[in-house]
Structure formats: C-alpha cells, structure tokens
Amino acid sequence: MTSFDALIDLLLAVLTVSLALGFIRLNLGPDVPNRTVAFDLIAFHAVGMVALIAIRHDAPMLLDIALVAAVLGFLGTMLLARYLEEADDNDR
C-alpha cells in the first residue's frame, strides 16, 4: 500500500465519522432548518466518499454516481428550502 492509498483511507475514515455526526444532527434536529443543513452535509459527504472510492480503486465510472448524488442532494436541499419558504408564507 502506498502512502497515497493510506491517505485516501484516512480521509474515508474521517468522512465516515463526520457523516455519522451529520446523521445524528439530522435525527436530533432541533428544527427543520437544522435538519436541512444536516441533509446537505450528508449529501456532500456521500459525494466525497464516492469520489475517494473511485480514486482509490481507479474506477472512473463511480464518478457518475457521485455526480448523481450531488444533483439529488442539491434538489433535496432546494425542495426543503422551498417547503420552509412556503411554510413561512402561510404563517403571515
């Protein structure tokens, strides 16, 4: 194993821990905006992890999965933001 592979493994471990913390924040809340930010964080971590795995295993096809995950994460965040915006409009 080269030092580059060891560095990627270290980065994957750090992202895994950070992803777990993001899931805890998503579960605990305390409100919808915090959950939206946690969802966005999880989406970014998923993209980063898939990209690192693609680099580690020399599998460029996995980058397509990272691209789809990035788009879905963005759309999910936009939908939650739209929901929050409409909920604020109904309160007025």
PDB file of N, CA and C in Angstrom:
ATOM      1  N   MET A   1       0.850  -1.172   0.000  1.00  0.00           N
ATOM      2  CA  MET A   1       0.000   0.000   0.000  1.00  0.00           C
ATOM      3  C   MET A   1       0.899   1.239   0.000  1.00  0.00           C
ATOM      4  N   THR A   2       0.594   2.138  -0.896  1.00  0.00           N
ATOM      5  CA  THR A   2       1.390   3.360  -0.985  1.00  0.00           C
ATOM      6  C   THR A   2       0.878   4.379   0.033  1.00  0.00           C
ATOM      7  N   SER A   3       1.643   5.433   0.211  1.00  0.00           N
ATOM      8  CA  SER A   3       1.215   6.476   1.149  1.00  0.00           C
ATOM      9  C   SER A   3      -0.022   7.199   0.634  1.00  0.00           C
ATOM     10  N   PHE A   4      -0.189   7.255  -0.706  1.00  0.00           N
ATOM     11  CA  PHE A   4      -1.380   7.881  -1.287  1.00  0.00           C
ATOM     12  C   PHE A   4      -2.627   7.074  -0.927  1.00  0.00           C
ATOM     13  N   ASP A   5      -2.537   5.752  -1.014  1.00  0.00           N
ATOM     14  CA  ASP A   5      -3.663   4.898  -0.641  1.00  0.00           C
ATOM     15  C   ASP A   5      -3.980   5.018   0.842  1.00  0.00           C
ATOM     16  N   ALA A   6      -2.954   5.114   1.658  1.00  0.00           N
ATOM     17  CA  ALA A   6      -3.164   5.274   3.097  1.00  0.00           C
ATOM     18  C   ALA A   6      -3.836   6.609   3.401  1.00  0.00           C
ATOM     19  N   LEU A   7      -3.469   7.642   2.676  1.00  0.00           N
ATOM     20  CA  LEU A   7      -4.092   8.948   2.866  1.00  0.00           C
ATOM     21  C   LEU A   7      -5.567   8.909   2.472  1.00  0.00           C
ATOM     22  N   ILE A   8      -5.874   8.234   1.382  1.00  0.00           N
ATOM     23  CA  ILE A   8      -7.278   8.114   0.971  1.00  0.00           C
ATOM     24  C   ILE A   8      -8.061   7.327   2.006  1.00  0.00           C
ATOM     25  N   ASP A   9      -7.473   6.267   2.549  1.00  0.00           N
ATOM     26  CA  ASP A   9      -8.147   5.507   3.604  1.00  0.00           C
ATOM     27  C   ASP A   9      -8.382   6.360   4.840  1.00  0.00           C
ATOM     28  N   LEU A  10      -7.423   7.180   5.184  1.00  0.00           N
ATOM     29  CA  LEU A  10      -7.588   8.092   6.318  1.00  0.00           C
ATOM     30  C   LEU A  10      -8.709   9.092   6.054  1.00  0.00           C
ATOM     31  N   LEU A  11      -8.741   9.645   4.852  1.00  0.00           N
ATOM     32  CA  LEU A  11      -9.793  10.593   4.502  1.00  0.00           C
ATOM     33  C   LEU A  11     -11.169   9.935   4.521  1.00  0.00           C
ATOM     34  N   LEU A  12     -11.249   8.701   4.060  1.00  0.00           N
ATOM     35  CA  LEU A  12     -12.522   7.980   4.118  1.00  0.00           C
ATOM     36  C   LEU A  12     -12.965   7.744   5.561  1.00  0.00           C
ATOM     37  N   ALA A  13     -12.026   7.450   6.438  1.00  0.00           N
ATOM     38  CA  ALA A  13     -12.365   7.257   7.848  1.00  0.00           C
ATOM     39  C   ALA A  13     -12.874   8.556   8.472  1.00  0.00           C
ATOM     40  N   VAL A  14     -12.206   9.667   8.156  1.00  0.00           N
ATOM     41  CA  VAL A  14     -12.636  10.966   8.685  1.00  0.00           C
ATOM     42  C   VAL A  14     -14.027  11.318   8.154  1.00  0.00           C
ATOM     43  N   LEU A  15     -14.253  11.094   6.872  1.00  0.00           N
ATOM     44  CA  LEU A  15     -15.569  11.374   6.299  1.00  0.00           C
ATOM     45  C   LEU A  15     -16.647  10.472   6.895  1.00  0.00           C
ATOM     46  N   THR A  16     -16.313   9.244   7.208  1.00  0.00           N
ATOM     47  CA  THR A  16     -17.277   8.331   7.821  1.00  0.00           C
ATOM     48  C   THR A  16     -17.700   8.829   9.198  1.00  0.00           C
ATOM     49  N   VAL A  17     -16.744   9.261   9.993  1.00  0.00           N
ATOM     50  CA  VAL A  17     -17.062   9.794  11.319  1.00  0.00           C
ATOM     51  C   VAL A  17     -17.910  11.061  11.191  1.00  0.00           C
ATOM     52  N   SER A  18     -17.523  11.933  10.289  1.00  0.00           N
ATOM     53  CA  SER A  18     -18.260  13.170  10.086  1.00  0.00           C
ATOM     54  C   SER A  18     -19.663  12.894   9.548  1.00  0.00           C
ATOM     55  N   LEU A  19     -19.800  11.891   8.688  1.00  0.00           N
ATOM     56  CA  LEU A  19     -21.111  11.504   8.171  1.00  0.00           C
ATOM     57  C   LEU A  19     -22.006  10.996   9.295  1.00  0.00           C
ATOM     58  N   ALA A  20     -21.433  10.209  10.206  1.00  0.00           N
ATOM     59  CA  ALA A  20     -22.206   9.725  11.348  1.00  0.00           C
ATOM     60  C   ALA A  20     -22.684  10.887  12.221  1.00  0.00           C
ATOM     61  N   LEU A  21     -21.835  11.881  12.416  1.00  0.00           N
ATOM     62  CA  LEU A  21     -22.239  13.061  13.179  1.00  0.00           C
ATOM     63  C   LEU A  21     -23.347  13.829  12.456  1.00  0.00           C
ATOM     64  N   GLY A  22     -23.281  13.868  11.133  1.00  0.00           N
ATOM     65  CA  GLY A  22     -24.339  14.508  10.356  1.00  0.00           C
ATOM     66  C   GLY A  22     -25.667  13.783  10.511  1.00  0.00           C
ATOM     67  N   PHE A  23     -25.637  12.450  10.535  1.00  0.00           N
ATOM     68  CA  PHE A  23     -26.867  11.689  10.742  1.00  0.00           C
ATOM     69  C   PHE A  23     -27.436  11.928  12.136  1.00  0.00           C
ATOM     70  N   ILE A  24     -26.567  12.084  13.118  1.00  0.00           N
ATOM     71  CA  ILE A  24     -27.045  12.393  14.468  1.00  0.00           C
ATOM     72  C   ILE A  24     -27.735  13.749  14.480  1.00  0.00           C
ATOM     73  N   ARG A  25     -27.134  14.744  13.819  1.00  0.00           N
ATOM     74  CA  ARG A  25     -27.741  16.077  13.744  1.00  0.00           C
ATOM     75  C   ARG A  25     -29.065  16.021  12.988  1.00  0.00           C
ATOM     76  N   LEU A  26     -29.132  15.206  11.940  1.00  0.00           N
ATOM     77  CA  LEU A  26     -30.373  15.067  11.182  1.00  0.00           C
ATOM     78  C   LEU A  26     -31.460  14.458  12.047  1.00  0.00           C
ATOM     79  N   ASN A  27     -31.097  13.512  12.877  1.00  0.00           N
ATOM     80  CA  ASN A  27     -32.071  12.848  13.737  1.00  0.00           C
ATOM     81  C   ASN A  27     -32.523  13.741  14.889  1.00  0.00           C
ATOM     82  N   LEU A  28     -31.596  14.474  15.504  1.00  0.00           N
ATOM     83  CA  LEU A  28     -31.924  15.261  16.688  1.00  0.00           C
ATOM     84  C   LEU A  28     -32.574  16.598  16.377  1.00  0.00           C
ATOM     85  N   GLY A  29     -32.269  17.153  15.244  1.00  0.00           N
ATOM     86  CA  GLY A  29     -32.888  18.429  14.867  1.00  0.00           C
ATOM     87  C   GLY A  29     -32.141  19.616  15.414  1.00  0.00           C
ATOM     88  N   PRO A  30     -32.674  20.475  16.153  1.00  0.00           N
ATOM     89  CA  PRO A  30     -33.988  20.520  16.797  1.00  0.00           C
ATOM     90  C   PRO A  30     -35.108  21.084  15.918  1.00  0.00           C
ATOM     91  N   ASP A  31     -34.785  21.706  14.806  1.00  0.00           N
ATOM     92  CA  ASP A  31     -35.840  22.230  13.953  1.00  0.00           C
ATOM     93  C   ASP A  31     -35.528  21.916  12.494  1.00  0.00           C
ATOM     94  N   VAL A  32     -36.459  22.284  11.625  1.00  0.00           N
ATOM     95  CA  VAL A  32     -36.334  21.929  10.215  1.00  0.00           C
ATOM     96  C   VAL A  32     -35.115  22.573   9.539  1.00  0.00           C
ATOM     97  N   PRO A  33     -34.780  23.836   9.787  1.00  0.00           N
ATOM     98  CA  PRO A  33     -33.574  24.377   9.143  1.00  0.00           C
ATOM     99  C   PRO A  33     -32.293  23.622   9.510  1.00  0.00           C
ATOM    100  N   ASN A  34     -32.175  23.207  10.761  1.00  0.00           N
ATOM    101  CA  ASN A  34     -31.002  22.413  11.157  1.00  0.00           C
ATOM    102  C   ASN A  34     -30.972  21.076  10.438  1.00  0.00           C
ATOM    103  N   ARG A  35     -32.133  20.472  10.265  1.00  0.00           N
ATOM    104  CA  ARG A  35     -32.206  19.200   9.553  1.00  0.00           C
ATOM    105  C   ARG A  35     -31.881  19.386   8.076  1.00  0.00           C
ATOM    106  N   THR A  36     -32.255  20.525   7.522  1.00  0.00           N
ATOM    107  CA  THR A  36     -31.941  20.810   6.124  1.00  0.00           C
ATOM    108  C   THR A  36     -30.433  20.922   5.930  1.00  0.00           C
ATOM    109  N   VAL A  37     -29.779  21.621   6.818  1.00  0.00           N
ATOM    110  CA  VAL A  37     -28.321  21.753   6.739  1.00  0.00           C
ATOM    111  C   VAL A  37     -27.655  20.386   6.931  1.00  0.00           C
ATOM    112  N   ALA A  38     -28.175  19.575   7.845  1.00  0.00           N
ATOM    113  CA  ALA A  38     -27.612  18.240   8.054  1.00  0.00           C
ATOM    114  C   ALA A  38     -27.805  17.371   6.817  1.00  0.00           C
ATOM    115  N   PHE A  39     -28.943  17.485   6.160  1.00  0.00           N
ATOM    116  CA  PHE A  39     -29.186  16.736   4.932  1.00  0.00           C
ATOM    117  C   PHE A  39     -28.184  17.142   3.851  1.00  0.00           C
ATOM    118  N   ASP A  40     -27.947  18.428   3.734  1.00  0.00           N
ATOM    119  CA  ASP A  40     -26.996  18.927   2.763  1.00  0.00           C
ATOM    120  C   ASP A  40     -25.583  18.425   3.081  1.00  0.00           C
ATOM    121  N   LEU A  41     -25.224  18.423   4.350  1.00  0.00           N
ATOM    122  CA  LEU A  41     -23.926  17.911   4.783  1.00  0.00           C
ATOM    123  C   LEU A  41     -23.772  16.436   4.419  1.00  0.00           C
ATOM    124  N   ILE A  42     -24.817  15.655   4.637  1.00  0.00           N
ATOM    125  CA  ILE A  42     -24.776  14.229   4.315  1.00  0.00           C
ATOM    126  C   ILE A  42     -24.604  14.026   2.811  1.00  0.00           C
ATOM    127  N   ALA A  43     -25.290  14.828   2.025  1.00  0.00           N
ATOM    128  CA  ALA A  43     -25.168  14.716   0.567  1.00  0.00           C
ATOM    129  C   ALA A  43     -23.742  15.031   0.116  1.00  0.00           C
ATOM    130  N   PHE A  44     -23.144  16.082   0.676  1.00  0.00           N
ATOM    131  CA  PHE A  44     -21.765  16.418   0.332  1.00  0.00           C
ATOM    132  C   PHE A  44     -20.801  15.312   0.740  1.00  0.00           C
ATOM    133  N   HIS A  45     -21.030  14.729   1.893  1.00  0.00           N
ATOM    134  CA  HIS A  45     -20.164  13.645   2.344  1.00  0.00           C
ATOM    135  C   HIS A  45     -20.297  12.423   1.438  1.00  0.00           C
ATOM    136  N   ALA A  46     -21.505  12.121   1.006  1.00  0.00           N
ATOM    137  CA  ALA A  46     -21.708  10.980   0.117  1.00  0.00           C
ATOM    138  C   ALA A  46     -20.948  11.187  -1.195  1.00  0.00           C
ATOM    139  N   VAL A  47     -21.008  12.392  -1.729  1.00  0.00           N
ATOM    140  CA  VAL A  47     -20.280  12.698  -2.965  1.00  0.00           C
ATOM    141  C   VAL A  47     -18.773  12.546  -2.736  1.00  0.00           C
ATOM    142  N   GLY A  48     -18.279  13.086  -1.647  1.00  0.00           N
ATOM    143  CA  GLY A  48     -16.854  12.986  -1.350  1.00  0.00           C
ATOM    144  C   GLY A  48     -16.394  11.560  -1.154  1.00  0.00           C
ATOM    145  N   MET A  49     -17.197  10.763  -0.473  1.00  0.00           N
ATOM    146  CA  MET A  49     -16.811   9.377  -0.229  1.00  0.00           C
ATOM    147  C   MET A  49     -16.796   8.566  -1.525  1.00  0.00           C
ATOM    148  N   VAL A  50     -17.798   8.766  -2.356  1.00  0.00           N
ATOM    149  CA  VAL A  50     -17.826   8.037  -3.631  1.00  0.00           C
ATOM    150  C   VAL A  50     -16.647   8.466  -4.507  1.00  0.00           C
ATOM    151  N   ALA A  51     -16.331   9.749  -4.505  1.00  0.00           N
ATOM    152  CA  ALA A  51     -15.190  10.224  -5.301  1.00  0.00           C
ATOM    153  C   ALA A  51     -13.881   9.619  -4.788  1.00  0.00           C
ATOM    154  N   LEU A  52     -13.712   9.564  -3.475  1.00  0.00           N
ATOM    155  CA  LEU A  52     -12.489   8.960  -2.925  1.00  0.00           C
ATOM    156  C   LEU A  52     -12.401   7.469  -3.232  1.00  0.00           C
ATOM    157  N   ILE A  53     -13.523   6.783  -3.176  1.00  0.00           N
ATOM    158  CA  ILE A  53     -13.530   5.357  -3.511  1.00  0.00           C
ATOM    159  C   ILE A  53     -13.196   5.166  -4.987  1.00  0.00           C
ATOM    160  N   ALA A  54     -13.712   6.052  -5.840  1.00  0.00           N
ATOM    161  CA  ALA A  54     -13.400   5.969  -7.273  1.00  0.00           C
ATOM    162  C   ALA A  54     -11.908   6.170  -7.508  1.00  0.00           C
ATOM    163  N   ILE A  55     -11.311   7.094  -6.795  1.00  0.00           N
ATOM    164  CA  ILE A  55      -9.869   7.324  -6.936  1.00  0.00           C
ATOM    165  C   ILE A  55      -9.082   6.133  -6.396  1.00  0.00           C
ATOM    166  N   ARG A  56      -9.490   5.649  -5.252  1.00  0.00           N
ATOM    167  CA  ARG A  56      -8.765   4.547  -4.592  1.00  0.00           C
ATOM    168  C   ARG A  56      -8.742   3.285  -5.443  1.00  0.00           C
ATOM    169  N   HIS A  57      -9.883   2.983  -6.095  1.00  0.00           N
ATOM    170  CA  HIS A  57      -9.997   1.744  -6.867  1.00  0.00           C
ATOM    171  C   HIS A  57      -9.845   1.968  -8.373  1.00  0.00           C
ATOM    172  N   ASP A  58      -9.459   3.175  -8.755  1.00  0.00           N
ATOM    173  CA  ASP A  58      -9.259   3.511 -10.163  1.00  0.00           C
ATOM    174  C   ASP A  58     -10.476   3.116 -10.991  1.00  0.00           C
ATOM    175  N   ALA A  59     -11.646   3.607 -10.551  1.00  0.00           N
ATOM    176  CA  ALA A  59     -12.916   3.294 -11.209  1.00  0.00           C
ATOM    177  C   ALA A  59     -13.629   4.597 -11.561  1.00  0.00           C
ATOM    178  N   PRO A  60     -13.297   5.174 -12.707  1.00  0.00           N
ATOM    179  CA  PRO A  60     -13.899   6.461 -13.069  1.00  0.00           C
ATOM    180  C   PRO A  60     -15.412   6.407 -13.269  1.00  0.00           C
ATOM    181  N   MET A  61     -15.962   5.227 -13.498  1.00  0.00           N
ATOM    182  CA  MET A  61     -17.417   5.116 -13.661  1.00  0.00           C
ATOM    183  C   MET A  61     -18.154   5.482 -12.368  1.00  0.00           C
ATOM    184  N   LEU A  62     -17.483   5.335 -11.239  1.00  0.00           N
ATOM    185  CA  LEU A  62     -18.105   5.697  -9.965  1.00  0.00           C
ATOM    186  C   LEU A  62     -18.318   7.205  -9.850  1.00  0.00           C
ATOM    187  N   LEU A  63     -17.596   7.969 -10.624  1.00  0.00           N
ATOM    188  CA  LEU A  63     -17.780   9.424 -10.585  1.00  0.00           C
ATOM    189  C   LEU A  63     -19.144   9.827 -11.125  1.00  0.00           C
ATOM    190  N   ASP A  64     -19.735   8.986 -11.983  1.00  0.00           N
ATOM    191  CA  ASP A  64     -21.113   9.237 -12.423  1.00  0.00           C
ATOM    192  C   ASP A  64     -22.071   9.144 -11.239  1.00  0.00           C
ATOM    193  N   ILE A  65     -21.828   8.197 -10.353  1.00  0.00           N
ATOM    194  CA  ILE A  65     -22.649   8.063  -9.153  1.00  0.00           C
ATOM    195  C   ILE A  65     -22.485   9.290  -8.269  1.00  0.00           C
ATOM    196  N   ALA A  66     -21.268   9.788  -8.159  1.00  0.00           N
ATOM    197  CA  ALA A  66     -21.021  10.990  -7.361  1.00  0.00           C
ATOM    198  C   ALA A  66     -21.764  12.184  -7.953  1.00  0.00           C
ATOM    199  N   LEU A  67     -21.781  12.278  -9.264  1.00  0.00           N
ATOM    200  CA  LEU A  67     -22.488  13.375  -9.918  1.00  0.00           C
ATOM    201  C   LEU A  67     -23.987  13.287  -9.661  1.00  0.00           C
ATOM    202  N   VAL A  68     -24.552  12.104  -9.763  1.00  0.00           N
ATOM    203  CA  VAL A  68     -25.986  11.925  -9.495  1.00  0.00           C
ATOM    204  C   VAL A  68     -26.290  12.236  -8.033  1.00  0.00           C
ATOM    205  N   ALA A  69     -25.432  11.798  -7.121  1.00  0.00           N
ATOM    206  CA  ALA A  69     -25.640  12.092  -5.698  1.00  0.00           C
ATOM    207  C   ALA A  69     -25.576  13.589  -5.436  1.00  0.00           C
ATOM    208  N   ALA A  70     -24.689  14.293  -6.112  1.00  0.00           N
ATOM    209  CA  ALA A  70     -24.590  15.747  -5.936  1.00  0.00           C
ATOM    210  C   ALA A  70     -25.858  16.440  -6.431  1.00  0.00           C
ATOM    211  N   VAL A  71     -26.361  16.016  -7.569  1.00  0.00           N
ATOM    212  CA  VAL A  71     -27.580  16.622  -8.112  1.00  0.00           C
ATOM    213  C   VAL A  71     -28.774  16.325  -7.212  1.00  0.00           C
ATOM    214  N   LEU A  72     -28.900  15.083  -6.755  1.00  0.00           N
ATOM    215  CA  LEU A  72     -30.016  14.739  -5.872  1.00  0.00           C
ATOM    216  C   LEU A  72     -29.920  15.460  -4.531  1.00  0.00           C
ATOM    217  N   GLY A  73     -28.720  15.612  -4.019  1.00  0.00           N
ATOM    218  CA  GLY A  73     -28.550  16.363  -2.771  1.00  0.00           C
ATOM    219  C   GLY A  73     -28.940  17.815  -2.944  1.00  0.00           C
ATOM    220  N   PHE A  74     -28.552  18.411  -4.062  1.00  0.00           N
ATOM    221  CA  PHE A  74     -28.928  19.794  -4.336  1.00  0.00           C
ATOM    222  C   PHE A  74     -30.436  19.932  -4.472  1.00  0.00           C
ATOM    223  N   LEU A  75     -31.054  19.027  -5.216  1.00  0.00           N
ATOM    224  CA  LEU A  75     -32.508  19.095  -5.385  1.00  0.00           C
ATOM    225  C   LEU A  75     -33.241  18.890  -4.061  1.00  0.00           C
ATOM    226  N   GLY A  76     -32.744  17.972  -3.249  1.00  0.00           N
ATOM    227  CA  GLY A  76     -33.366  17.747  -1.946  1.00  0.00           C
ATOM    228  C   GLY A  76     -33.273  18.974  -1.057  1.00  0.00           C
ATOM    229  N   THR A  77     -32.139  19.621  -1.070  1.00  0.00           N
ATOM    230  CA  THR A  77     -31.964  20.837  -0.278  1.00  0.00           C
ATOM    231  C   THR A  77     -32.872  21.950  -0.795  1.00  0.00           C
ATOM    232  N   MET A  78     -32.976  22.062  -2.105  1.00  0.00           N
ATOM    233  CA  MET A  78     -33.851  23.093  -2.677  1.00  0.00           C
ATOM    234  C   MET A  78     -35.316  22.827  -2.346  1.00  0.00           C
ATOM    235  N   LEU A  79     -35.716  21.566  -2.362  1.00  0.00           N
ATOM    236  CA  LEU A  79     -37.096  21.235  -2.013  1.00  0.00           C
ATOM    237  C   LEU A  79     -37.393  21.551  -0.548  1.00  0.00           C
ATOM    238  N   LEU A  80     -36.450  21.239   0.322  1.00  0.00           N
ATOM    239  CA  LEU A  80     -36.658  21.559   1.738  1.00  0.00           C
ATOM    240  C   LEU A  80     -36.678  23.069   1.960  1.00  0.00           C
ATOM    241  N   ALA A  81     -35.840  23.806   1.248  1.00  0.00           N
ATOM    242  CA  ALA A  81     -35.843  25.263   1.373  1.00  0.00           C
ATOM    243  C   ALA A  81     -37.160  25.835   0.860  1.00  0.00           C
ATOM    244  N   ARG A  82     -37.653  25.283  -0.231  1.00  0.00           N
ATOM    245  CA  ARG A  82     -38.945  25.736  -0.775  1.00  0.00           C
ATOM    246  C   ARG A  82     -40.071  25.460   0.213  1.00  0.00           C
ATOM    247  N   TYR A  83     -40.017  24.289   0.848  1.00  0.00           N
ATOM    248  CA  TYR A  83     -41.020  23.942   1.862  1.00  0.00           C
ATOM    249  C   TYR A  83     -40.984  24.938   3.013  1.00  0.00           C
ATOM    250  N   LEU A  84     -39.784  25.272   3.470  1.00  0.00           N
ATOM    251  CA  LEU A  84     -39.654  26.230   4.567  1.00  0.00           C
ATOM    252  C   LEU A  84     -40.162  27.603   4.156  1.00  0.00           C
ATOM    253  N   GLU A  85     -39.883  27.997   2.926  1.00  0.00           N
ATOM    254  CA  GLU A  85     -40.328  29.302   2.438  1.00  0.00           C
ATOM    255  C   GLU A  85     -41.849  29.360   2.367  1.00  0.00           C
ATOM    256  N   GLU A  86     -42.483  28.303   1.887  1.00  0.00           N
ATOM    257  CA  GLU A  86     -43.937  28.283   1.810  1.00  0.00           C
ATOM    258  C   GLU A  86     -44.555  28.203   3.195  1.00  0.00           C
ATOM    259  N   ALA A  87     -43.900  27.514   4.108  1.00  0.00           N
ATOM    260  CA  ALA A  87     -44.421  27.448   5.478  1.00  0.00           C
ATOM    261  C   ALA A  87     -44.377  28.823   6.128  1.00  0.00           C
ATOM    262  N   ASP A  88     -43.335  29.614   5.845  1.00  0.00           N
ATOM    263  CA  ASP A  88     -43.253  30.973   6.383  1.00  0.00           C
ATOM    264  C   ASP A  88     -44.317  31.868   5.775  1.00  0.00           C
ATOM    265  N   ASP A  89     -44.628  31.684   4.492  1.00  0.00           N
ATOM    266  CA  ASP A  89     -45.655  32.485   3.830  1.00  0.00           C
ATOM    267  C   ASP A  89     -47.039  32.193   4.399  1.00  0.00           C
ATOM    268  N   ASN A  90     -47.284  30.954   4.801  1.00  0.00           N
ATOM    269  CA  ASN A  90     -48.583  30.584   5.357  1.00  0.00           C
ATOM    270  C   ASN A  90     -48.764  31.115   6.770  1.00  0.00           C
ATOM    271  N   ASP A  91     -47.682  31.434   7.454  1.00  0.00           N
ATOM    272  CA  ASP A  91     -47.763  31.939   8.823  1.00  0.00           C
ATOM    273  C   ASP A  91     -48.133  33.411   8.860  1.00  0.00           C
ATOM    274  N   ARG A  92     -47.991  34.128   7.769  1.00  0.00           N
ATOM    275  CA  ARG A  92     -48.255  35.563   7.750  1.00  0.00           C
ATOM    276  C   ARG A  92     -49.689  35.894   7.637  1.00  0.00           C
TER     277      ARG A  92
END
